[in-house]
Amino acid sequence: MRSIPVIGWREWVALPDLGIPAIKAKVDTGARSSSLHAFEVREEVRNGKRMVTFKVHPMQRDSRLTVEAEAELHEYRRVRNPGGGGRVEVRPVIVTHAELSGKRVPIELTLTRRDEMGFRMLLGRQAMRRRFLVDPGGSFLSERGEAAP
């Protein structure tokens, strides 16, 4: 029988494909999709592939540290934004890898401005499904723990 790692309601997550070694994520089983704080999002076609380039401020309350990233555009998705009065936004979606609790897993991320949100990343239930158990009373239960970054 395989063991499923337990994570807390907030965790440090690495997004190595995007050059982000650590970002504090809110684990949200009520949200279907995962999202990443991104700005200056631009779509372009390169070698026949639709790509998005964007910038990320991976640390909360720090707009000085900026990571520039790019990924292939997977699709656009309509997402209801509870922080935006429940209005529906159309967001670009990328597929990348997340590292959490010793596991490297592919996840879909919607790209959106999260300036006013408490966390730069939201880890939704699709990313966690069959991979992690959530302890809503715990924080930073993964291997990285409170020490990151």
Foldseek 3Di string as FASTA:
>chain_A
DDDAAEAEQKAWKAFVLFPRGTAIEGEDQPAAAKAAAWPPWDWDADPNFIKIWTKHDRYAPDPPDIGIGMATFPAWDWDQDVVVVRDTDTFTKGWGWMDWQNDIDIHIYTYDHCNVPRGRMYHYPVRPPPRYHYDHVDHHPGPCRPVDD
